[in-house]
C-alpha atoms as a PDB file:
ATOM      1  CA  UNK A   1       8.626 -18.395  10.448  1.00  0.00           C
ATOM      2  CA  UNK A   2       5.956 -17.837  12.879  1.00  0.00           C
ATOM      3  CA  UNK A   3       3.457 -20.346  13.359  1.00  0.00           C
ATOM      4  CA  UNK A   4       0.075 -20.665  15.367  1.00  0.00           C
ATOM      5  CA  UNK A   5      -0.045 -20.934  18.943  1.00  0.00           C
ATOM      6  CA  UNK A   6       0.553 -23.795  20.962  1.00  0.00           C
ATOM      7  CA  UNK A   7      -2.075 -22.615  23.342  1.00  0.00           C
ATOM      8  CA  UNK A   8      -4.446 -24.119  20.910  1.00  0.00           C
ATOM      9  CA  UNK A   9      -6.502 -26.918  22.998  1.00  0.00           C
ATOM     10  CA  UNK A  10      -8.323 -28.867  19.868  1.00  0.00           C
ATOM     11  CA  UNK A  11      -6.365 -31.423  19.268  1.00  0.00           C
ATOM     12  CA  UNK A  12      -8.434 -31.840  16.070  1.00  0.00           C
ATOM     13  CA  UNK A  13      -9.336 -28.767  13.794  1.00  0.00           C
ATOM     14  CA  UNK A  14     -13.252 -28.077  14.162  1.00  0.00           C
ATOM     15  CA  UNK A  15     -15.625 -27.951  11.412  1.00  0.00           C
ATOM     16  CA  UNK A  16     -16.371 -24.731  10.271  1.00  0.00           C
ATOM     17  CA  UNK A  17     -19.549 -23.536   8.353  1.00  0.00           C
ATOM     18  CA  UNK A  18     -19.717 -21.394   5.317  1.00  0.00           C
ATOM     19  CA  UNK A  19     -22.002 -18.046   5.869  1.00  0.00           C
ATOM     20  CA  UNK A  20     -24.081 -16.086   3.131  1.00  0.00           C
ATOM     21  CA  UNK A  21     -22.070 -13.072   2.461  1.00  0.00           C
ATOM     22  CA  UNK A  22     -22.829 -10.317   0.432  1.00  0.00           C
ATOM     23  CA  UNK A  23     -19.819  -7.785  -1.179  1.00  0.00           C
ATOM     24  CA  UNK A  24     -19.270  -4.617  -3.455  1.00  0.00           C
ATOM     25  CA  UNK A  25     -16.910  -4.572  -5.677  1.00  0.00           C
ATOM     26  CA  UNK A  26     -15.972  -2.861  -8.874  1.00  0.00           C
ATOM     27  CA  UNK A  27     -14.005  -3.915 -11.968  1.00  0.00           C
ATOM     28  CA  UNK A  28     -11.336  -2.212 -12.761  1.00  0.00           C
ATOM     29  CA  UNK A  29     -11.763  -0.652 -16.084  1.00  0.00           C
ATOM     30  CA  UNK A  30      -9.097   1.936 -15.113  1.00  0.00           C
ATOM     31  CA  UNK A  31      -6.936   0.334 -13.238  1.00  0.00           C
ATOM     32  CA  UNK A  32      -3.023   2.141 -13.423  1.00  0.00           C
ATOM     33  CA  UNK A  33      -0.355   2.943 -10.820  1.00  0.00           C
ATOM     34  CA  UNK A  34      -0.035   6.764 -11.869  1.00  0.00           C
ATOM     35  CA  UNK A  35       1.217   8.252  -8.871  1.00  0.00           C
ATOM     36  CA  UNK A  36       2.794   6.567  -5.204  1.00  0.00           C
ATOM     37  CA  UNK A  37       0.484   6.706  -2.318  1.00  0.00           C
ATOM     38  CA  UNK A  38       2.136   3.315  -0.218  1.00  0.00           C
ATOM     39  CA  UNK A  39       5.153   1.166  -0.289  1.00  0.00           C
ATOM     40  CA  UNK A  40       3.789  -0.741  -2.990  1.00  0.00           C
ATOM     41  CA  UNK A  41       3.303   1.549  -5.836  1.00  0.00           C
ATOM     42  CA  UNK A  42       5.983   2.555  -8.476  1.00  0.00           C
ATOM     43  CA  UNK A  43       4.432   4.315 -10.955  1.00  0.00           C
ATOM     44  CA  UNK A  44       7.622   3.533 -14.110  1.00  0.00           C
ATOM     45  CA  UNK A  45       6.305   0.441 -13.537  1.00  0.00           C
ATOM     46  CA  UNK A  46       4.125  -0.334 -16.110  1.00  0.00           C
ATOM     47  CA  UNK A  47       0.856  -2.207 -15.322  1.00  0.00           C
ATOM     48  CA  UNK A  48      -1.719  -4.520 -17.587  1.00  0.00           C
ATOM     49  CA  UNK A  49      -5.194  -3.098 -17.123  1.00  0.00           C
ATOM     50  CA  UNK A  50      -6.163  -6.594 -18.747  1.00  0.00           C
ATOM     51  CA  UNK A  51      -4.499  -8.712 -16.541  1.00  0.00           C
ATOM     52  CA  UNK A  52      -5.973  -6.888 -13.818  1.00  0.00           C
ATOM     53  CA  UNK A  53      -9.302  -7.090 -15.027  1.00  0.00           C
ATOM     54  CA  UNK A  54      -9.217 -10.962 -15.735  1.00  0.00           C
ATOM     55  CA  UNK A  55      -7.486 -11.421 -12.271  1.00  0.00           C
ATOM     56  CA  UNK A  56     -10.401  -9.367 -10.277  1.00  0.00           C
ATOM     57  CA  UNK A  57     -13.162 -11.787 -12.237  1.00  0.00           C
ATOM     58  CA  UNK A  58     -11.245 -14.902 -11.169  1.00  0.00           C
ATOM     59  CA  UNK A  59     -12.323 -13.117  -7.398  1.00  0.00           C
ATOM     60  CA  UNK A  60     -15.782 -12.455  -8.588  1.00  0.00           C
ATOM     61  CA  UNK A  61     -16.674 -15.361 -10.139  1.00  0.00           C
ATOM     62  CA  UNK A  62     -14.790 -17.200  -7.081  1.00  0.00           C
ATOM     63  CA  UNK A  63     -17.398 -15.374  -4.609  1.00  0.00           C
ATOM     64  CA  UNK A  64     -20.385 -16.302  -6.941  1.00  0.00           C
ATOM     65  CA  UNK A  65     -19.269 -20.220  -7.400  1.00  0.00           C
ATOM     66  CA  UNK A  66     -19.513 -20.177  -3.627  1.00  0.00           C
ATOM     67  CA  UNK A  67     -23.032 -19.101  -3.269  1.00  0.00           C
ATOM     68  CA  UNK A  68     -21.870 -15.446  -2.488  1.00  0.00           C
ATOM     69  CA  UNK A  69     -23.711 -12.736  -3.399  1.00  0.00           C
ATOM     70  CA  UNK A  70     -21.589  -9.666  -5.523  1.00  0.00           C
ATOM     71  CA  UNK A  71     -23.208  -5.930  -5.954  1.00  0.00           C
ATOM     72  CA  UNK A  72     -21.215  -3.750  -8.013  1.00  0.00           C
ATOM     73  CA  UNK A  73     -20.102  -0.143  -8.401  1.00  0.00           C
ATOM     74  CA  UNK A  74     -19.517   1.256 -12.165  1.00  0.00           C
ATOM     75  CA  UNK A  75     -15.585   2.164 -12.205  1.00  0.00           C
ATOM     76  CA  UNK A  76     -15.358   6.176 -12.815  1.00  0.00           C
ATOM     77  CA  UNK A  77     -12.597   7.054 -15.111  1.00  0.00           C
ATOM     78  CA  UNK A  78      -9.974   9.406 -13.053  1.00  0.00           C
ATOM     79  CA  UNK A  79      -9.976   7.024 -10.166  1.00  0.00           C
ATOM     80  CA  UNK A  80      -7.723   3.704 -10.568  1.00  0.00           C
ATOM     81  CA  UNK A  81      -7.859   2.448  -7.431  1.00  0.00           C
ATOM     82  CA  UNK A  82     -11.703   2.711  -6.845  1.00  0.00           C
ATOM     83  CA  UNK A  83     -11.608  -1.197  -6.868  1.00  0.00           C
ATOM     84  CA  UNK A  84     -10.283  -1.340  -3.933  1.00  0.00           C
ATOM     85  CA  UNK A  85     -13.807  -0.893  -2.184  1.00  0.00           C
ATOM     86  CA  UNK A  86     -12.921  -1.566   1.111  1.00  0.00           C
ATOM     87  CA  UNK A  87     -12.131   1.851   1.483  1.00  0.00           C
ATOM     88  CA  UNK A  88     -15.382   3.058   0.201  1.00  0.00           C
ATOM     89  CA  UNK A  89     -16.832   2.735   3.248  1.00  0.00           C
ATOM     90  CA  UNK A  90     -18.352   0.463   6.303  1.00  0.00           C
ATOM     91  CA  UNK A  91     -21.313  -1.146   7.064  1.00  0.00           C
ATOM     92  CA  UNK A  92     -23.220  -2.432  10.087  1.00  0.00           C
ATOM     93  CA  UNK A  93     -27.351  -3.164  10.372  1.00  0.00           C
ATOM     94  CA  UNK A  94     -27.522  -1.520   7.023  1.00  0.00           C
ATOM     95  CA  UNK A  95     -26.025   1.690   8.614  1.00  0.00           C
ATOM     96  CA  UNK A  96     -22.970   2.742   6.453  1.00  0.00           C
ATOM     97  CA  UNK A  97     -20.414   4.996   7.105  1.00  0.00           C
ATOM     98  CA  UNK A  98     -18.817   7.025   4.272  1.00  0.00           C
ATOM     99  CA  UNK A  99     -14.723   8.272   3.871  1.00  0.00           C
ATOM    100  CA  UNK A 100     -12.999  10.772   4.700  1.00  0.00           C
ATOM    101  CA  UNK A 101      -9.378   9.935   2.333  1.00  0.00           C
ATOM    102  CA  UNK A 102      -5.975  11.026   3.526  1.00  0.00           C
ATOM    103  CA  UNK A 103      -4.372  11.671   0.393  1.00  0.00           C
ATOM    104  CA  UNK A 104      -5.786  13.817  -2.341  1.00  0.00           C
ATOM    105  CA  UNK A 105      -5.508  11.417  -4.578  1.00  0.00           C
ATOM    106  CA  UNK A 106      -8.179   9.369  -3.445  1.00  0.00           C
ATOM    107  CA  UNK A 107     -10.969  11.728  -2.316  1.00  0.00           C
ATOM    108  CA  UNK A 108     -12.794  11.984  -5.863  1.00  0.00           C
ATOM    109  CA  UNK A 109     -14.330   8.035  -5.015  1.00  0.00           C
ATOM    110  CA  UNK A 110     -16.192   9.362  -1.852  1.00  0.00           C
ATOM    111  CA  UNK A 111     -19.010  10.588  -3.155  1.00  0.00           C
ATOM    112  CA  UNK A 112     -19.802   7.568  -5.691  1.00  0.00           C
ATOM    113  CA  UNK A 113     -19.782   5.072  -3.104  1.00  0.00           C
ATOM    114  CA  UNK A 114     -21.900   7.287  -0.389  1.00  0.00           C
ATOM    115  CA  UNK A 115     -23.989   8.000  -3.537  1.00  0.00           C
ATOM    116  CA  UNK A 116     -24.194   4.413  -4.332  1.00  0.00           C
ATOM    117  CA  UNK A 117     -25.071   3.340  -0.567  1.00  0.00           C
ATOM    118  CA  UNK A 118     -27.924   5.581  -0.517  1.00  0.00           C
ATOM    119  CA  UNK A 119     -29.363   4.537  -3.576  1.00  0.00           C
ATOM    120  CA  UNK A 120     -29.397   0.840  -2.925  1.00  0.00           C
ATOM    121  CA  UNK A 121     -30.986   1.760   0.601  1.00  0.00           C
ATOM    122  CA  UNK A 122     -28.349   1.961   3.066  1.00  0.00           C
ATOM    123  CA  UNK A 123     -28.770   4.871   5.884  1.00  0.00           C
ATOM    124  CA  UNK A 124     -25.777   6.565   5.046  1.00  0.00           C
ATOM    125  CA  UNK A 125     -23.476   9.115   7.504  1.00  0.00           C
ATOM    126  CA  UNK A 126     -20.816  11.603   6.250  1.00  0.00           C
ATOM    127  CA  UNK A 127     -17.860  11.280   7.772  1.00  0.00           C
ATOM    128  CA  UNK A 128     -16.528  13.833   9.926  1.00  0.00           C
ATOM    129  CA  UNK A 129     -12.463  12.647  10.853  1.00  0.00           C
ATOM    130  CA  UNK A 130     -10.545  10.579   8.939  1.00  0.00           C
ATOM    131  CA  UNK A 131     -10.681   7.327   7.578  1.00  0.00           C
ATOM    132  CA  UNK A 132     -10.429   4.941   5.073  1.00  0.00           C
ATOM    133  CA  UNK A 133     -13.192   2.160   6.171  1.00  0.00           C
ATOM    134  CA  UNK A 134     -13.201  -1.383   5.897  1.00  0.00           C
ATOM    135  CA  UNK A 135      -9.426  -0.538   5.357  1.00  0.00           C
ATOM    136  CA  UNK A 136      -9.281   0.268   8.667  1.00  0.00           C
ATOM    137  CA  UNK A 137     -11.729  -1.033  10.443  1.00  0.00           C
ATOM    138  CA  UNK A 138     -12.344  -4.611  11.142  1.00  0.00           C
ATOM    139  CA  UNK A 139     -15.753  -6.257  12.596  1.00  0.00           C
ATOM    140  CA  UNK A 140     -15.147  -9.597  15.238  1.00  0.00           C
ATOM    141  CA  UNK A 141     -18.183 -10.105  16.571  1.00  0.00           C
ATOM    142  CA  UNK A 142     -19.409  -7.386  18.512  1.00  0.00           C
ATOM    143  CA  UNK A 143     -16.172  -5.580  18.899  1.00  0.00           C
ATOM    144  CA  UNK A 144     -14.526  -2.938  15.397  1.00  0.00           C
ATOM    145  CA  UNK A 145     -10.949  -3.423  15.580  1.00  0.00           C
ATOM    146  CA  UNK A 146      -9.712   0.117  14.216  1.00  0.00           C
ATOM    147  CA  UNK A 147      -6.088   0.281  12.708  1.00  0.00           C
ATOM    148  CA  UNK A 148      -4.367   3.969  13.087  1.00  0.00           C
ATOM    149  CA  UNK A 149      -0.827   5.204  12.378  1.00  0.00           C
ATOM    150  CA  UNK A 150      -0.348   5.801   8.822  1.00  0.00           C
ATOM    151  CA  UNK A 151      -3.724   6.705   6.841  1.00  0.00           C
ATOM    152  CA  UNK A 152      -7.088   6.605   9.582  1.00  0.00           C
ATOM    153  CA  UNK A 153      -6.979   8.987  12.247  1.00  0.00           C
ATOM    154  CA  UNK A 154      -7.261   7.861  16.124  1.00  0.00           C
ATOM    155  CA  UNK A 155     -10.516  10.790  16.304  1.00  0.00           C
ATOM    156  CA  UNK A 156     -12.220   8.905  14.020  1.00  0.00           C
ATOM    157  CA  UNK A 157     -12.299   5.496  16.420  1.00  0.00           C
ATOM    158  CA  UNK A 158     -14.350   7.977  18.574  1.00  0.00           C
ATOM    159  CA  UNK A 159     -16.891   8.530  15.768  1.00  0.00           C
ATOM    160  CA  UNK A 160     -16.929   5.170  14.292  1.00  0.00           C
ATOM    161  CA  UNK A 161     -18.018   3.934  18.253  1.00  0.00           C
ATOM    162  CA  UNK A 162     -20.656   6.492  17.879  1.00  0.00           C
ATOM    163  CA  UNK A 163     -22.120   5.826  14.547  1.00  0.00           C
ATOM    164  CA  UNK A 164     -22.952   2.083  15.224  1.00  0.00           C
ATOM    165  CA  UNK A 165     -22.750   1.822  19.311  1.00  0.00           C
ATOM    166  CA  UNK A 166     -20.421  -1.119  19.444  1.00  0.00           C
ATOM    167  CA  UNK A 167     -17.062  -1.678  21.166  1.00  0.00           C
ATOM    168  CA  UNK A 168     -14.292  -0.243  19.049  1.00  0.00           C
ATOM    169  CA  UNK A 169     -10.480  -1.204  20.045  1.00  0.00           C
ATOM    170  CA  UNK A 170      -7.846   0.896  18.682  1.00  0.00           C
ATOM    171  CA  UNK A 171      -4.423  -0.555  16.832  1.00  0.00           C
ATOM    172  CA  UNK A 172      -1.822   1.237  15.649  1.00  0.00           C
ATOM    173  CA  UNK A 173       0.629   0.301  12.674  1.00  0.00           C
ATOM    174  CA  UNK A 174       3.912   0.769  12.329  1.00  0.00           C
ATOM    175  CA  UNK A 175       5.286  -0.883   9.137  1.00  0.00           C
ATOM    176  CA  UNK A 176       4.452   1.514   6.276  1.00  0.00           C
ATOM    177  CA  UNK A 177       3.677  -1.557   4.084  1.00  0.00           C
ATOM    178  CA  UNK A 178       0.935  -2.441   5.723  1.00  0.00           C
ATOM    179  CA  UNK A 179      -0.555   0.729   6.061  1.00  0.00           C
ATOM    180  CA  UNK A 180      -4.124  -0.380   6.288  1.00  0.00           C
ATOM    181  CA  UNK A 181      -5.439  -2.854   9.061  1.00  0.00           C
ATOM    182  CA  UNK A 182      -6.702  -5.100   6.334  1.00  0.00           C
ATOM    183  CA  UNK A 183      -3.547  -5.781   5.517  1.00  0.00           C
ATOM    184  CA  UNK A 184      -2.147  -7.412   8.621  1.00  0.00           C
ATOM    185  CA  UNK A 185      -5.105  -8.912  10.294  1.00  0.00           C
ATOM    186  CA  UNK A 186      -7.657 -11.208   8.643  1.00  0.00           C
ATOM    187  CA  UNK A 187     -11.015 -11.751  10.415  1.00  0.00           C
ATOM    188  CA  UNK A 188     -12.041 -15.236  10.140  1.00  0.00           C
ATOM    189  CA  UNK A 189     -15.047 -15.884  11.655  1.00  0.00           C
ATOM    190  CA  UNK A 190     -16.641 -12.755  11.378  1.00  0.00           C
ATOM    191  CA  UNK A 191     -20.459 -13.210  12.985  1.00  0.00           C
ATOM    192  CA  UNK A 192     -21.473 -15.004  15.715  1.00  0.00           C
ATOM    193  CA  UNK A 193     -22.269 -18.666  15.350  1.00  0.00           C
ATOM    194  CA  UNK A 194     -23.878 -21.127  18.319  1.00  0.00           C
ATOM    195  CA  UNK A 195     -21.971 -20.609  21.386  1.00  0.00           C
ATOM    196  CA  UNK A 196     -20.393 -17.084  20.056  1.00  0.00           C
ATOM    197  CA  UNK A 197     -17.760 -16.050  18.053  1.00  0.00           C
ATOM    198  CA  UNK A 198     -14.735 -19.204  18.070  1.00  0.00           C
ATOM    199  CA  UNK A 199     -11.687 -17.625  20.111  1.00  0.00           C
ATOM    200  CA  UNK A 200      -9.195 -18.358  17.254  1.00  0.00           C
ATOM    201  CA  UNK A 201     -11.654 -15.868  15.064  1.00  0.00           C
ATOM    202  CA  UNK A 202      -8.442 -13.894  13.844  1.00  0.00           C
ATOM    203  CA  UNK A 203      -5.406 -14.478  12.303  1.00  0.00           C
ATOM    204  CA  UNK A 204      -3.095 -11.308  12.444  1.00  0.00           C
ATOM    205  CA  UNK A 205       1.008 -10.197  11.978  1.00  0.00           C
ATOM    206  CA  UNK A 206       2.864  -9.206  15.060  1.00  0.00           C
ATOM    207  CA  UNK A 207       5.536  -7.000  13.469  1.00  0.00           C
ATOM    208  CA  UNK A 208       3.081  -4.960  12.135  1.00  0.00           C
ATOM    209  CA  UNK A 209       1.435  -3.806  14.736  1.00  0.00           C
ATOM    210  CA  UNK A 210       3.368  -1.781  18.284  1.00  0.00           C
ATOM    211  CA  UNK A 211       3.858  -2.948  21.465  1.00  0.00           C
ATOM    212  CA  UNK A 212       0.853  -2.076  23.180  1.00  0.00           C
ATOM    213  CA  UNK A 213      -1.516  -3.428  20.376  1.00  0.00           C
ATOM    214  CA  UNK A 214       0.692  -6.624  20.041  1.00  0.00           C
ATOM    215  CA  UNK A 215      -0.397  -6.681  23.697  1.00  0.00           C
ATOM    216  CA  UNK A 216      -4.339  -6.030  23.330  1.00  0.00           C
ATOM    217  CA  UNK A 217      -4.372  -8.999  20.698  1.00  0.00           C
ATOM    218  CA  UNK A 218      -2.535 -11.417  22.245  1.00  0.00           C
ATOM    219  CA  UNK A 219      -5.274 -10.708  25.773  1.00  0.00           C
ATOM    220  CA  UNK A 220      -8.373 -10.885  23.350  1.00  0.00           C
ATOM    221  CA  UNK A 221      -7.344 -13.269  21.004  1.00  0.00           C
ATOM    222  CA  UNK A 222      -5.283 -15.825  22.577  1.00  0.00           C
ATOM    223  CA  UNK A 223      -5.795 -18.657  20.055  1.00  0.00           C
ATOM    224  CA  UNK A 224      -4.972 -16.154  16.783  1.00  0.00           C
ATOM    225  CA  UNK A 225      -3.134 -17.524  13.969  1.00  0.00           C
ATOM    226  CA  UNK A 226       0.319 -15.619  13.820  1.00  0.00           C
ATOM    227  CA  UNK A 227       1.234 -15.273  10.656  1.00  0.00           C
ATOM    228  CA  UNK A 228       4.712 -14.902   9.299  1.00  0.00           C
ATOM    229  CA  UNK A 229       6.873 -11.779   8.150  1.00  0.00           C
ATOM    230  CA  UNK A 230       6.764 -13.722   4.302  1.00  0.00           C
ATOM    231  CA  UNK A 231       3.442 -14.817   4.307  1.00  0.00           C
ATOM    232  CA  UNK A 232       2.098 -11.062   5.104  1.00  0.00           C
ATOM    233  CA  UNK A 233       4.694  -9.413   2.700  1.00  0.00           C
ATOM    234  CA  UNK A 234       2.720 -11.537  -0.368  1.00  0.00           C
ATOM    235  CA  UNK A 235      -0.268  -9.486   1.002  1.00  0.00           C
ATOM    236  CA  UNK A 236      -1.047 -12.908   2.693  1.00  0.00           C
ATOM    237  CA  UNK A 237      -3.480 -11.497   5.786  1.00  0.00           C
ATOM    238  CA  UNK A 238      -5.295  -9.413   2.788  1.00  0.00           C
ATOM    239  CA  UNK A 239      -8.004 -11.854   2.901  1.00  0.00           C
ATOM    240  CA  UNK A 240     -11.604 -12.449   2.805  1.00  0.00           C
ATOM    241  CA  UNK A 241     -12.944 -15.420   4.683  1.00  0.00           C
ATOM    242  CA  UNK A 242     -17.044 -16.744   5.087  1.00  0.00           C
ATOM    243  CA  UNK A 243     -15.977 -18.463   8.237  1.00  0.00           C
ATOM    244  CA  UNK A 244     -14.536 -22.249   6.141  1.00  0.00           C
ATOM    245  CA  UNK A 245     -13.377 -20.797   3.074  1.00  0.00           C
ATOM    246  CA  UNK A 246     -10.927 -18.248   3.258  1.00  0.00           C
ATOM    247  CA  UNK A 247      -9.301 -16.058   0.099  1.00  0.00           C
ATOM    248  CA  UNK A 248      -5.923 -15.447   0.007  1.00  0.00           C
ATOM    249  CA  UNK A 249      -2.571 -15.052  -2.393  1.00  0.00           C
ATOM    250  CA  UNK A 250      -1.235 -17.785  -3.887  1.00  0.00           C
ATOM    251  CA  UNK A 251       1.830 -16.831  -2.231  1.00  0.00           C
ATOM    252  CA  UNK A 252       1.041 -17.148   1.109  1.00  0.00           C
ATOM    253  CA  UNK A 253       1.631 -20.714   1.627  1.00  0.00           C
ATOM    254  CA  UNK A 254       2.312 -21.286   4.900  1.00  0.00           C
ATOM    255  CA  UNK A 255      -0.915 -19.033   6.198  1.00  0.00           C
ATOM    256  CA  UNK A 256      -2.455 -21.606   3.588  1.00  0.00           C
ATOM    257  CA  UNK A 257      -0.902 -24.705   5.637  1.00  0.00           C
ATOM    258  CA  UNK A 258      -1.844 -23.033   9.154  1.00  0.00           C
ATOM    259  CA  UNK A 259      -5.710 -22.040   8.048  1.00  0.00           C
ATOM    260  CA  UNK A 260      -6.111 -25.875   7.007  1.00  0.00           C
ATOM    261  CA  UNK A 261      -4.646 -27.294  10.134  1.00  0.00           C
ATOM    262  CA  UNK A 262      -8.004 -24.771  12.179  1.00  0.00           C
ATOM    263  CA  UNK A 263     -10.456 -26.738   9.710  1.00  0.00           C
ATOM    264  CA  UNK A 264     -10.852 -23.322   7.179  1.00  0.00           C
ATOM    265  CA  UNK A 265     -10.379 -24.494   3.366  1.00  0.00           C
ATOM    266  CA  UNK A 266      -7.889 -21.937   1.877  1.00  0.00           C
ATOM    267  CA  UNK A 267      -9.445 -20.922  -1.964  1.00  0.00           C
ATOM    268  CA  UNK A 268      -6.143 -19.407  -3.395  1.00  0.00           C
ATOM    269  CA  UNK A 269      -7.305 -16.359  -6.168  1.00  0.00           C
ATOM    270  CA  UNK A 270      -3.820 -14.415  -8.128  1.00  0.00           C
ATOM    271  CA  UNK A 271      -4.704 -11.087  -7.642  1.00  0.00           C
ATOM    272  CA  UNK A 272      -0.443 -10.249  -8.178  1.00  0.00           C
ATOM    273  CA  UNK A 273      -1.501  -7.056 -10.992  1.00  0.00           C
ATOM    274  CA  UNK A 274      -4.067  -5.132  -8.041  1.00  0.00           C
ATOM    275  CA  UNK A 275      -0.878  -5.684  -5.657  1.00  0.00           C
ATOM    276  CA  UNK A 276       0.863  -3.489  -7.737  1.00  0.00           C
ATOM    277  CA  UNK A 277      -1.215  -1.032  -6.659  1.00  0.00           C
ATOM    278  CA  UNK A 278      -1.020  -1.522  -2.617  1.00  0.00           C
ATOM    279  CA  UNK A 279      -4.018  -4.234  -2.550  1.00  0.00           C
ATOM    280  CA  UNK A 280      -5.280  -7.682  -2.455  1.00  0.00           C
ATOM    281  CA  UNK A 281      -8.034  -9.808  -2.068  1.00  0.00           C
ATOM    282  CA  UNK A 282      -9.845  -7.970   0.853  1.00  0.00           C
ATOM    283  CA  UNK A 283      -8.898  -4.976  -0.449  1.00  0.00           C
ATOM    284  CA  UNK A 284     -11.278  -5.516  -3.448  1.00  0.00           C
ATOM    285  CA  UNK A 285     -14.097  -6.515  -1.171  1.00  0.00           C
ATOM    286  CA  UNK A 286     -16.607  -4.416   1.040  1.00  0.00           C
ATOM    287  CA  UNK A 287     -18.425  -6.438   2.758  1.00  0.00           C
ATOM    288  CA  UNK A 288     -22.642  -5.319   2.903  1.00  0.00           C
ATOM    289  CA  UNK A 289     -24.173  -5.814   6.235  1.00  0.00           C
ATOM    290  CA  UNK A 290     -27.881  -5.362   5.421  1.00  0.00           C
ATOM    291  CA  UNK A 291     -29.369  -2.501   3.495  1.00  0.00           C
ATOM    292  CA  UNK A 292     -32.147  -3.539   0.166  1.00  0.00           C
ATOM    293  CA  UNK A 293     -31.343  -6.746  -1.011  1.00  0.00           C
END
């Protein structure tokens, strides 16, 4: 079983500070699995929409109880995957880049998300290239990590850099179970604090990436947490963090222990029903950075 890198210099876990977050979520009132667009989805297996709503509500309530703001977008009948709001866009400093889904089953979500962004004070950019928002784009300090290999195309990384004026680091996913970047990387300290970003600010599953991407990650984040295949396989890395609390699957027990050793507080939320659609905590959580309050 993989453990965190031996290169961590600290003999004592540093104190972590929770940072206020503003999220967009969508109640899964129409959740079901009626098609197959990733290895997790089995249309012949029954789903329980009421259970999905209860589990989603637990996540919503957990965020609110810790002082975070949660905005809601109305679910649309016939769009069962709208609950996975992370795929609806990517937002920095009040500018929202919409999405252009690779699969036709989700293309109906594109306009509702862009309309919501516009109605809520964001400067909306309609994309040209195929990409799936915060599912494949993760902000780490001033850098955007961008995934490709299954959903978002490489040219979307160029477009991303042009829209936001940030450095974009391309990473290639190679395991179809981890078809979005947010299934294989967790950003633990997404924004700069005093003294800059903590070097140990991500956790990731090395086996989800090709050799070159593993090299890039090891070079840029030498103190990152390396998560085991066992924890990755239960969507342990599809997690959200406020810099102190890390919201993770209760099945990712090894990852929880690694987080605690680094001074983070693991907060477990069970989204097992929504995992039947290939999504977890991060998939259901789109971060809103800037825009009208």
